[in-house]
């Protein structure tokens, strides 16, 4: 009973967080939103939060069901959506019933948002478009004898729907699966609040989530949120941030060389004696794990105990492993935002991600009795050939191998800016977590070829990804560096 209560409370909290995440869109004038309802009285199962445009003839109302799962033991599949073994009504039927009621008032989008992903061995993931989360027409167009065609008929029979009506319902569905954890959603809310000039952090979030809960408890039209209502709440609780410049800490970390930068550092770590760029000499793993990484942890502890400032401006000629380690220790989960130099630009980890950027993932099975997994991230060039050669030479065996590239391939201009980098970091973290959850490897061996700015941002998001072994390119070959846990 206690476990059920805890799960329910987490689910409610997740729903309230997501509701506030959408409510903030009222402040974004180009979205032209008229109001947002919490637990809409007429929306059936898709009532958790609903978004209504000012001009329904141009934009479509969105009705959301938000599902939270306490762990990643499973995922959604074509079959699980119509499974009614643990409930009297299947999830798909509930969404179908909502759509049938709502279509009397015009077109609508029916959204399922969940931290559970589509199962990797099921066709459902193939059907979800990365941009917009609508479902592909392949399901409707497949021949009756094909696997997709047979499942289509099963769905239609399960719902008791004819062909045209089913096609309309199918076209209204949006499945945003593998969405953020609670920690990730907190981070996304902070980014959104900061972007519109609001205070951020645990205290500000607690205030607004309490307000969401209060709106729901008051019921009736109190659950209908307009821009004027939102602005009154923001004013009442003094949630607008002051316009003065945010305080920051400058940290210089030197590996390949010691250089001067645009800001005088508040803290400086000089590791250059351990490195030689010409010979590609780098520290042994024991030095990384027993000296260098602990020095970073000690520095983070000093900063954490000395000040509440969490904006870090990172400078230095970092090798990639140092970039990963720095991001991992000054993590997003610990509340840090990092500004890092990328060529002649400054990129920040609080850039807003966008759905239009995606990754290509190629997954291959390996040895069933192997205990580790291999992930190759190729951003600026293809690292697969040299990594595979190194792994063979070292007689490394893996239960799974993933090759990750940005959509459009690996090349020098494959990361267009900070928003693109943050989007890629989130997607790569998602794959790391999926591998850690689905295959439980003892170690994930991570090989990365890309800009150090992105390495920092990925490092910031490596919580809950298991044990990760990093490597540095030696031209030729690789050498192991630090282990992140």
Protein backbone atom coordinates (compact mmCIF):
# COMPACT_ATOMS: atom_id res chain seq x y z
CA UNK A 1 0.00 0.00 0.00
CA UNK A 2 2.83 2.38 0.88
CA UNK A 3 4.52 1.72 -2.47
CA UNK A 4 1.24 2.40 -4.30
CA UNK A 5 0.78 5.65 -2.39
CA UNK A 6 4.33 6.73 -3.20
CA UNK A 7 3.84 5.92 -6.88
CA UNK A 8 0.56 7.84 -6.96
CA UNK A 9 2.14 10.88 -5.32
CA UNK A 10 5.02 10.82 -7.80
CA UNK A 11 2.54 10.49 -10.65
CA UNK A 12 0.53 13.47 -9.43
CA UNK A 13 3.70 15.52 -9.02
CA UNK A 14 4.84 14.61 -12.53
CA UNK A 15 1.45 15.63 -13.92
CA UNK A 16 1.57 18.96 -12.08
CA UNK A 17 5.09 19.65 -13.33
CA UNK A 18 4.09 18.93 -16.91
CA UNK A 19 0.99 21.09 -16.53
CA UNK A 20 3.10 24.03 -15.38
CA UNK A 21 5.53 23.37 -18.24
CA UNK A 22 2.62 23.92 -20.66
CA UNK A 23 1.06 26.79 -18.68
CA UNK A 24 4.25 28.79 -19.23
CA UNK A 25 3.42 28.79 -22.96
CA UNK A 26 0.73 31.37 -22.18
CA UNK A 27 3.61 33.86 -21.88
CA UNK A 28 4.81 33.01 -25.39
CA UNK A 29 2.71 35.31 -27.57
CA UNK A 30 3.54 33.64 -30.93
CA UNK A 31 1.88 30.43 -29.68
CA UNK A 32 -1.41 32.39 -29.48
CA UNK A 33 -2.92 30.30 -26.68
CA UNK A 34 -6.30 31.35 -25.29
CA UNK A 35 -6.37 29.20 -22.14
CA UNK A 36 -5.15 26.01 -20.52
CA UNK A 37 -7.42 23.70 -18.56
CA UNK A 38 -6.28 21.46 -15.71
CA UNK A 39 -8.25 18.19 -15.53
CA UNK A 40 -10.74 19.31 -18.17
CA UNK A 41 -14.31 18.32 -17.19
CA UNK A 42 -15.31 17.06 -20.66
CA UNK A 43 -12.12 15.39 -21.91
CA UNK A 44 -12.39 11.90 -20.42
CA UNK A 45 -9.02 10.20 -19.98
CA UNK A 46 -7.18 12.91 -21.95
CA UNK A 47 -8.00 15.52 -19.32
CA UNK A 48 -4.79 15.97 -17.32
CA UNK A 49 -3.96 19.24 -19.07
CA UNK A 50 -5.49 20.71 -22.23
CA UNK A 51 -4.30 23.57 -24.43
CA UNK A 52 -6.78 25.71 -26.36
CA UNK A 53 -5.74 28.19 -29.11
CA UNK A 54 -7.29 31.60 -29.68
CA UNK A 55 -8.08 30.66 -33.27
CA UNK A 56 -9.26 27.01 -33.52
CA UNK A 57 -9.54 27.30 -37.30
CA UNK A 58 -5.75 27.69 -37.51
CA UNK A 59 -4.54 25.69 -34.51
CA UNK A 60 -5.89 22.51 -32.95
CA UNK A 61 -6.73 22.02 -29.27
CA UNK A 62 -4.47 19.53 -27.51
CA UNK A 63 -5.68 17.09 -24.85
CA UNK A 64 -3.05 15.33 -22.75
CA UNK A 65 -2.93 12.19 -20.69
CA UNK A 66 0.29 12.19 -18.64
CA UNK A 67 1.54 8.80 -17.45
CA UNK A 68 4.35 8.39 -14.92
CA UNK A 69 6.22 5.11 -14.26
CA UNK A 70 8.49 4.70 -11.25
CA UNK A 71 11.12 2.72 -13.18
CA UNK A 72 12.05 1.63 -16.70
CA UNK A 73 11.33 -2.08 -16.35
CA UNK A 74 9.19 -2.05 -19.47
CA UNK A 75 7.92 0.14 -22.30
CA UNK A 76 4.97 0.73 -24.55
CA UNK A 77 4.16 -1.53 -27.46
CA UNK A 78 1.38 -1.92 -29.99
CA UNK A 79 0.04 -4.77 -27.86
CA UNK A 80 0.35 -3.05 -24.48
CA UNK A 81 -1.79 -0.10 -25.60
CA UNK A 82 -4.77 -2.44 -25.99
CA UNK A 83 -3.97 -4.60 -22.95
CA UNK A 84 -6.81 -4.60 -20.43
CA UNK A 85 -5.52 -7.38 -18.15
CA UNK A 86 -4.63 -4.97 -15.31
CA UNK A 87 -7.54 -2.58 -15.89
CA UNK A 88 -11.09 -2.88 -17.13
CA UNK A 89 -10.41 -0.56 -20.07
CA UNK A 90 -7.25 -0.45 -22.21
CA UNK A 91 -5.25 2.74 -22.55
CA UNK A 92 -6.03 2.99 -26.27
CA UNK A 93 -9.75 2.57 -25.57
CA UNK A 94 -9.67 5.41 -23.04
CA UNK A 95 -8.04 7.70 -25.59
CA UNK A 96 -10.54 6.54 -28.23
CA UNK A 97 -13.47 7.33 -25.93
CA UNK A 98 -12.06 10.80 -25.22
CA UNK A 99 -11.62 11.47 -28.92
CA UNK A 100 -15.17 10.37 -29.71
CA UNK A 101 -16.53 12.90 -27.21
CA UNK A 102 -14.21 15.73 -28.24
CA UNK A 103 -14.64 15.37 -32.01
CA UNK A 104 -18.22 16.63 -31.68
CA UNK A 105 -16.73 20.04 -30.94
CA UNK A 106 -14.20 19.98 -33.77
CA UNK A 107 -10.79 18.53 -34.48
CA UNK A 108 -8.44 17.79 -31.61
CA UNK A 109 -5.09 16.18 -30.88
CA UNK A 110 -5.02 13.40 -28.28
CA UNK A 111 -1.62 13.23 -26.56
CA UNK A 112 -0.07 10.49 -24.46
CA UNK A 113 3.01 11.78 -22.63
CA UNK A 114 5.05 9.34 -20.57
CA UNK A 115 8.54 8.76 -19.23
CA UNK A 116 8.24 5.21 -20.55
CA UNK A 117 9.69 4.74 -24.03
CA UNK A 118 8.43 2.57 -26.85
CA UNK A 119 9.88 -0.92 -26.50
CA UNK A 120 12.98 -1.29 -28.65
CA UNK A 121 11.82 -4.64 -30.10
CA UNK A 122 8.34 -3.42 -31.08
CA UNK A 123 7.12 -1.65 -34.26
CA UNK A 124 5.46 1.12 -32.22
CA UNK A 125 8.69 3.14 -32.02
CA UNK A 126 9.02 2.99 -35.81
CA UNK A 127 5.55 4.49 -36.20
CA UNK A 128 6.20 7.60 -34.09
CA UNK A 129 7.53 10.54 -36.07
CA UNK A 130 10.39 12.34 -34.31
CA UNK A 131 9.03 15.74 -35.34
CA UNK A 132 5.57 16.35 -33.94
CA UNK A 133 5.05 12.88 -32.39
CA UNK A 134 2.25 12.04 -34.82
CA UNK A 135 1.94 8.46 -36.07
CA UNK A 136 3.10 7.50 -39.56
CA UNK A 137 0.64 6.57 -42.30
CA UNK A 138 2.47 3.25 -42.76
CA UNK A 139 0.13 1.72 -40.18
CA UNK A 140 -2.95 2.66 -42.22
CA UNK A 141 -1.40 1.80 -45.60
CA UNK A 142 0.12 -1.57 -44.69
CA UNK A 143 -1.31 -4.65 -46.41
CA UNK A 144 -3.62 -6.87 -44.37
CA UNK A 145 -1.08 -9.71 -44.43
CA UNK A 146 1.84 -7.66 -43.12
CA UNK A 147 2.64 -7.43 -39.41
CA UNK A 148 1.55 -3.79 -39.25
CA UNK A 149 -1.60 -4.54 -41.21
CA UNK A 150 -2.56 -7.37 -38.88
CA UNK A 151 -2.02 -5.15 -35.84
CA UNK A 152 -4.11 -2.42 -37.46
CA UNK A 153 -7.02 -4.81 -37.77
CA UNK A 154 -6.55 -5.91 -34.15
CA UNK A 155 -6.71 -2.27 -33.03
CA UNK A 156 -9.82 -1.60 -35.14
CA UNK A 157 -11.59 -4.69 -33.79
CA UNK A 158 -10.55 -3.83 -30.24
CA UNK A 159 -12.09 -0.37 -30.57
CA UNK A 160 -15.04 -1.48 -32.69
CA UNK A 161 -14.13 1.19 -35.25
CA UNK A 162 -14.77 1.31 -38.98
CA UNK A 163 -12.02 2.24 -41.42
CA UNK A 164 -12.66 5.97 -41.87
CA UNK A 165 -13.38 6.67 -38.22
CA UNK A 166 -10.31 4.71 -37.14
CA UNK A 167 -8.14 6.63 -39.61
CA UNK A 168 -9.38 9.94 -38.19
CA UNK A 169 -8.69 8.80 -34.62
CA UNK A 170 -5.26 7.44 -35.56
CA UNK A 171 -4.44 10.78 -37.20
CA UNK A 172 -5.29 12.65 -34.00
CA UNK A 173 -2.95 10.61 -31.78
CA UNK A 174 0.37 12.03 -30.59
CA UNK A 175 2.67 9.74 -28.58
CA UNK A 176 5.46 11.58 -26.78
CA UNK A 177 7.11 8.55 -25.21
CA UNK A 178 10.48 8.43 -23.44
CA UNK A 179 9.80 11.93 -22.13
CA UNK A 180 11.70 13.52 -19.26
CA UNK A 181 12.20 12.16 -15.76
CA UNK A 182 11.16 14.36 -12.84
CA UNK A 183 14.73 15.68 -12.57
CA UNK A 184 14.83 16.41 -16.29
CA UNK A 185 11.43 18.09 -16.20
CA UNK A 186 12.56 20.31 -13.32
CA UNK A 187 15.50 21.34 -15.48
CA UNK A 188 13.29 22.03 -18.50
CA UNK A 189 10.92 24.12 -16.40
CA UNK A 190 13.83 26.16 -15.02
CA UNK A 191 15.07 26.81 -18.55
CA UNK A 192 11.61 27.91 -19.66
CA UNK A 193 11.08 30.14 -16.61
CA UNK A 194 14.49 31.73 -17.02
CA UNK A 195 13.79 32.39 -20.71
CA UNK A 196 10.65 34.41 -19.87
CA UNK A 197 12.30 36.33 -17.03
CA UNK A 198 11.08 34.35 -14.02
CA UNK A 199 12.91 33.18 -10.93
CA UNK A 200 14.16 29.60 -11.06
CA UNK A 201 15.17 26.85 -8.65
CA UNK A 202 13.54 24.60 -6.06
CA UNK A 203 11.77 27.39 -4.17
CA UNK A 204 10.20 29.01 -7.24
CA UNK A 205 9.14 25.61 -8.59
CA UNK A 206 7.59 24.60 -5.24
CA UNK A 207 5.49 27.80 -5.25
CA UNK A 208 4.09 27.27 -8.74
CA UNK A 209 3.43 23.54 -8.28
CA UNK A 210 1.50 24.32 -5.10
CA UNK A 211 -0.50 26.80 -7.16
CA UNK A 212 -1.25 24.14 -9.80
CA UNK A 213 -2.42 21.80 -7.04
CA UNK A 214 -4.58 24.55 -5.55
CA UNK A 215 -6.26 25.31 -8.90
CA UNK A 216 -7.15 21.62 -9.24
CA UNK A 217 -8.47 21.33 -5.68
CA UNK A 218 -10.65 24.46 -6.07
CA UNK A 219 -12.23 22.88 -9.14
CA UNK A 220 -14.73 24.31 -11.56
CA UNK A 221 -13.64 27.28 -13.64
CA UNK A 222 -10.68 27.79 -11.29
CA UNK A 223 -9.00 25.10 -13.38
CA UNK A 224 -9.20 27.29 -16.49
CA UNK A 225 -5.95 29.30 -16.69
CA UNK A 226 -5.64 32.38 -18.88
CA UNK A 227 -2.75 34.78 -19.38
CA UNK A 228 -4.24 37.34 -16.99
CA UNK A 229 -4.68 34.71 -14.27
CA UNK A 230 -1.12 33.50 -14.75
CA UNK A 231 0.28 37.03 -14.62
CA UNK A 232 -1.67 37.77 -11.42
CA UNK A 233 -0.11 34.69 -9.78
CA UNK A 234 3.40 35.62 -10.92
CA UNK A 235 2.93 39.13 -9.53
CA UNK A 236 1.39 37.96 -6.26
CA UNK A 237 4.22 35.57 -5.47
CA UNK A 238 6.90 37.95 -6.81
CA UNK A 239 8.22 35.35 -9.23
CA UNK A 240 9.67 37.82 -11.74
CA UNK A 241 13.47 37.81 -11.70
CA UNK A 242 15.38 41.06 -11.21
CA UNK A 243 17.11 42.29 -14.38
CA UNK A 244 20.53 42.69 -12.77
CA UNK A 245 23.40 40.56 -14.12
CA UNK A 246 23.49 37.08 -12.68
CA UNK A 247 26.45 36.23 -10.50
CA UNK A 248 28.83 33.62 -11.85
CA UNK A 249 32.00 31.70 -11.06
CA UNK A 250 34.85 31.44 -13.56
CA UNK A 251 36.85 28.20 -13.51
CA UNK A 252 39.93 27.66 -15.66
CA UNK A 253 40.92 24.04 -16.26
CA UNK A 254 44.13 23.45 -18.24
CA UNK A 255 45.09 20.14 -19.82
CA UNK A 256 46.86 20.50 -23.19
CA UNK A 257 48.15 24.02 -22.55
CA UNK A 258 47.89 26.98 -20.18
CA UNK A 259 46.30 30.02 -21.82
CA UNK A 260 44.82 33.35 -20.91
CA UNK A 261 41.11 33.85 -21.42
CA UNK A 262 38.51 36.59 -21.46
CA UNK A 263 37.79 36.36 -17.73
CA UNK A 264 40.11 36.20 -14.74
CA UNK A 265 39.33 32.85 -13.09
CA UNK A 266 37.99 32.56 -9.57
CA UNK A 267 39.40 29.03 -9.43
CA UNK A 268 42.10 27.40 -11.53
CA UNK A 269 43.21 23.78 -12.00
CA UNK A 270 46.43 23.28 -13.94
CA UNK A 271 46.83 19.68 -15.13
CA UNK A 272 49.14 20.55 -18.03
CA UNK A 273 52.13 18.68 -16.51
CA UNK A 274 50.23 15.44 -17.08
CA UNK A 275 49.66 16.18 -20.79
CA UNK A 276 51.71 16.63 -23.95
CA UNK A 277 49.82 17.58 -27.08
CA UNK A 278 52.59 16.67 -29.55
CA UNK A 279 53.04 13.12 -28.26
CA UNK A 280 49.38 12.79 -27.18
CA UNK A 281 50.61 11.83 -23.71
CA UNK A 282 47.80 11.76 -21.19
CA UNK A 283 47.55 10.50 -17.59
CA UNK A 284 47.11 6.86 -16.71
CA UNK A 285 43.60 5.80 -15.58
CA UNK A 286 44.86 5.56 -11.98
CA UNK A 287 45.93 9.23 -12.10
CA UNK A 288 42.57 10.23 -13.56
CA UNK A 289 40.56 8.31 -11.00
CA UNK A 290 42.73 8.89 -7.91
CA UNK A 291 44.03 12.43 -8.49
CA UNK A 292 42.38 14.50 -11.21
CA UNK A 293 38.71 13.59 -10.86
CA UNK A 294 38.89 13.82 -7.03
CA UNK A 295 40.41 17.31 -7.45
CA UNK A 296 37.35 18.31 -9.44
CA UNK A 297 35.06 16.87 -6.78
CA UNK A 298 36.95 18.77 -4.07
CA UNK A 299 36.58 22.00 -6.04
CA UNK A 300 32.84 21.45 -6.51
CA UNK A 301 32.48 20.81 -2.77
CA UNK A 302 34.28 24.06 -1.95
CA UNK A 303 32.03 26.03 -4.31
CA UNK A 304 28.87 24.31 -3.11
CA UNK A 305 29.63 25.05 0.54
CA UNK A 306 30.93 28.57 -0.02
CA UNK A 307 28.30 30.10 -2.32
CA UNK A 308 24.85 29.55 -3.79
CA UNK A 309 26.07 30.69 -7.24
CA UNK A 310 25.50 27.92 -9.78
CA UNK A 311 26.41 29.61 -13.05
CA UNK A 312 29.91 28.40 -13.98
CA UNK A 313 31.90 29.95 -16.81
CA UNK A 314 34.37 27.26 -17.88
CA UNK A 315 37.59 28.21 -19.64
CA UNK A 316 40.57 26.10 -20.63
CA UNK A 317 42.13 23.85 -23.26
CA UNK A 318 40.36 20.72 -22.09
CA UNK A 319 40.82 17.27 -23.50
CA UNK A 320 37.53 15.49 -24.12
CA UNK A 321 37.71 13.28 -21.02
CA UNK A 322 38.27 16.33 -18.82
CA UNK A 323 35.27 18.00 -20.48
CA UNK A 324 33.06 14.99 -19.71
CA UNK A 325 34.36 14.78 -16.13
CA UNK A 326 33.83 18.50 -15.51
CA UNK A 327 30.25 18.35 -16.75
CA UNK A 328 29.57 15.19 -14.76
CA UNK A 329 30.71 16.75 -11.47
CA UNK A 330 29.18 20.18 -12.10
CA UNK A 331 26.00 18.46 -13.20
CA UNK A 332 22.58 19.70 -14.15
CA UNK A 333 21.10 17.53 -11.41
CA UNK A 334 23.23 19.46 -8.87
CA UNK A 335 21.81 22.74 -10.20
CA UNK A 336 24.79 23.96 -12.26
CA UNK A 337 24.65 25.78 -15.56
CA UNK A 338 27.85 25.91 -17.55
CA UNK A 339 29.02 28.47 -20.11
CA UNK A 340 31.77 27.10 -22.32
CA UNK A 341 33.73 28.52 -25.23
CA UNK A 342 32.99 27.00 -28.64
CA UNK A 343 35.43 28.49 -31.14
CA UNK A 344 34.66 32.24 -30.99
CA UNK A 345 31.25 31.79 -29.35
CA UNK A 346 30.01 31.23 -25.80
CA UNK A 347 27.56 28.35 -25.47
CA UNK A 348 25.47 27.82 -22.35
CA UNK A 349 23.89 24.65 -21.00
CA UNK A 350 20.63 26.50 -20.32
CA UNK A 351 19.89 26.84 -24.04
CA UNK A 352 16.41 25.63 -24.89
CA UNK A 353 16.36 22.27 -26.75
CA UNK A 354 14.22 21.85 -29.85
CA UNK A 355 12.48 18.75 -31.18
CA UNK A 356 13.56 19.37 -34.76
CA UNK A 357 17.03 18.05 -33.99
CA UNK A 358 17.30 14.30 -33.73
CA UNK A 359 19.92 11.54 -33.78
CA UNK A 360 20.37 8.33 -35.74
CA UNK A 361 21.01 5.25 -33.63
CA UNK A 362 22.30 1.97 -34.99
CA UNK A 363 22.11 -0.85 -32.46
CA UNK A 364 23.74 -4.24 -32.90
CA UNK A 365 23.58 -7.28 -30.59
CA UNK A 366 26.85 -8.76 -29.38
CA UNK A 367 27.91 -11.66 -27.19
CA UNK A 368 25.16 -12.92 -24.93
CA UNK A 369 27.61 -13.70 -22.13
CA UNK A 370 29.42 -10.33 -22.33
CA UNK A 371 28.97 -7.96 -19.38
CA UNK A 372 29.75 -4.55 -20.92
CA UNK A 373 28.20 -2.31 -23.58
CA UNK A 374 29.82 -0.11 -26.23
CA UNK A 375 28.53 3.29 -27.33
CA UNK A 376 30.24 5.21 -30.14
CA UNK A 377 29.22 8.85 -30.55
CA UNK A 378 30.36 10.31 -33.88
CA UNK A 379 29.63 14.03 -34.15
CA UNK A 380 32.32 15.68 -36.29
CA UNK A 381 33.57 12.54 -38.07
CA UNK A 382 32.87 8.80 -38.16
CA UNK A 383 34.69 7.07 -35.29
CA UNK A 384 33.26 3.59 -35.85
CA UNK A 385 36.10 2.07 -37.89
CA UNK A 386 38.91 3.07 -35.54
CA UNK A 387 36.94 2.21 -32.41
CA UNK A 388 36.02 -1.22 -33.79
CA UNK A 389 39.64 -1.88 -34.70
CA UNK A 390 40.79 -0.86 -31.21
CA UNK A 391 38.13 -3.04 -29.56
CA UNK A 392 39.24 -6.06 -31.62
CA UNK A 393 42.89 -5.49 -30.77
CA UNK A 394 42.02 -5.30 -27.07
CA UNK A 395 39.73 -8.34 -27.38
CA UNK A 396 36.87 -6.39 -25.87
CA UNK A 397 33.45 -8.07 -25.91
CA UNK A 398 30.11 -6.34 -25.63
CA UNK A 399 26.53 -7.41 -25.13
CA UNK A 400 25.33 -4.43 -27.18
CA UNK A 401 26.93 -1.87 -29.49
CA UNK A 402 25.31 1.47 -30.28
CA UNK A 403 26.53 3.88 -32.94
CA UNK A 404 25.09 7.40 -32.57
CA UNK A 405 25.32 10.25 -35.09
CA UNK A 406 23.36 13.48 -35.58
CA UNK A 407 20.65 13.29 -38.20
CA UNK A 408 22.36 14.29 -41.40
CA UNK A 409 25.60 12.53 -40.51
CA UNK A 410 28.87 13.34 -38.76
CA UNK A 411 30.76 16.36 -40.12
CA UNK A 412 32.49 19.51 -38.91
CA UNK A 413 29.30 21.58 -38.97
CA UNK A 414 26.96 18.93 -37.57
CA UNK A 415 26.29 21.02 -34.40
CA UNK A 416 24.86 24.37 -35.41
CA UNK A 417 24.64 26.11 -32.05
CA UNK A 418 23.97 25.79 -28.30
CA UNK A 419 20.32 24.78 -28.71
CA UNK A 420 21.36 22.04 -31.12
CA UNK A 421 24.08 20.89 -28.71
CA UNK A 422 21.68 20.69 -25.75
CA UNK A 423 19.17 18.80 -27.88
CA UNK A 424 21.86 16.27 -28.86
CA UNK A 425 23.05 15.95 -25.25
CA UNK A 426 19.54 15.08 -24.10
CA UNK A 427 19.06 12.51 -26.87
CA UNK A 428 22.45 10.88 -26.24
CA UNK A 429 21.71 10.74 -22.50
CA UNK A 430 18.41 9.05 -23.34
CA UNK A 431 20.24 6.27 -25.21
CA UNK A 432 22.79 5.84 -22.41
CA UNK A 433 19.98 5.45 -19.89
CA UNK A 434 18.10 3.06 -22.14
CA UNK A 435 21.16 0.84 -22.50
CA UNK A 436 21.82 0.97 -18.74
CA UNK A 437 18.18 0.12 -17.97
CA UNK A 438 17.51 -2.53 -20.63
CA UNK A 439 20.80 -4.45 -20.56
CA UNK A 440 22.30 -3.68 -17.12
CA UNK A 441 25.92 -3.63 -18.32
CA UNK A 442 28.65 -3.57 -15.69
CA UNK A 443 30.40 -0.82 -17.68
CA UNK A 444 29.40 1.33 -20.66
CA UNK A 445 32.48 2.05 -22.78
CA UNK A 446 31.92 5.49 -24.31
CA UNK A 447 33.95 6.64 -27.32
CA UNK A 448 33.29 10.18 -28.47
CA UNK A 449 34.44 12.20 -31.46
CA UNK A 450 33.08 15.74 -31.36
CA UNK A 451 33.43 19.23 -29.88
CA UNK A 452 34.36 19.58 -26.22
CA UNK A 453 31.44 21.96 -25.65
CA UNK A 454 29.02 19.12 -26.39
CA UNK A 455 31.14 16.76 -24.26
CA UNK A 456 30.63 19.12 -21.29
CA UNK A 457 26.88 19.23 -21.88
CA UNK A 458 26.62 15.43 -22.20
CA UNK A 459 28.72 15.03 -19.05
CA UNK A 460 26.25 17.24 -17.16
CA UNK A 461 23.49 14.74 -17.91
CA UNK A 462 25.22 11.44 -17.09
CA UNK A 463 23.37 10.83 -13.84
CA UNK A 464 21.51 7.50 -13.69
CA UNK A 465 23.54 6.15 -16.62
CA UNK A 466 25.56 3.52 -14.75
CA UNK A 467 29.35 3.18 -14.82
CA UNK A 468 30.96 4.85 -17.84
CA UNK A 469 34.53 4.33 -19.02
CA UNK A 470 35.92 7.15 -21.18
CA UNK A 471 38.69 7.04 -23.79
CA UNK A 472 41.03 9.46 -25.57
CA UNK A 473 42.13 9.13 -29.19
CA UNK A 474 45.88 8.50 -29.57
CA UNK A 475 46.22 8.64 -33.36
CA UNK A 476 46.21 5.76 -33.90
CA UNK A 477 44.19 3.85 -31.36
CA UNK A 478 42.69 4.84 -28.04
CA UNK A 479 43.61 4.72 -24.39
CA UNK A 480 41.28 4.51 -21.36
CA UNK A 481 41.03 7.56 -19.11
CA UNK A 482 38.61 8.17 -16.27
CA UNK A 483 35.64 6.20 -15.01
CA UNK A 484 32.45 8.13 -14.20
CA UNK A 485 29.83 6.75 -11.87
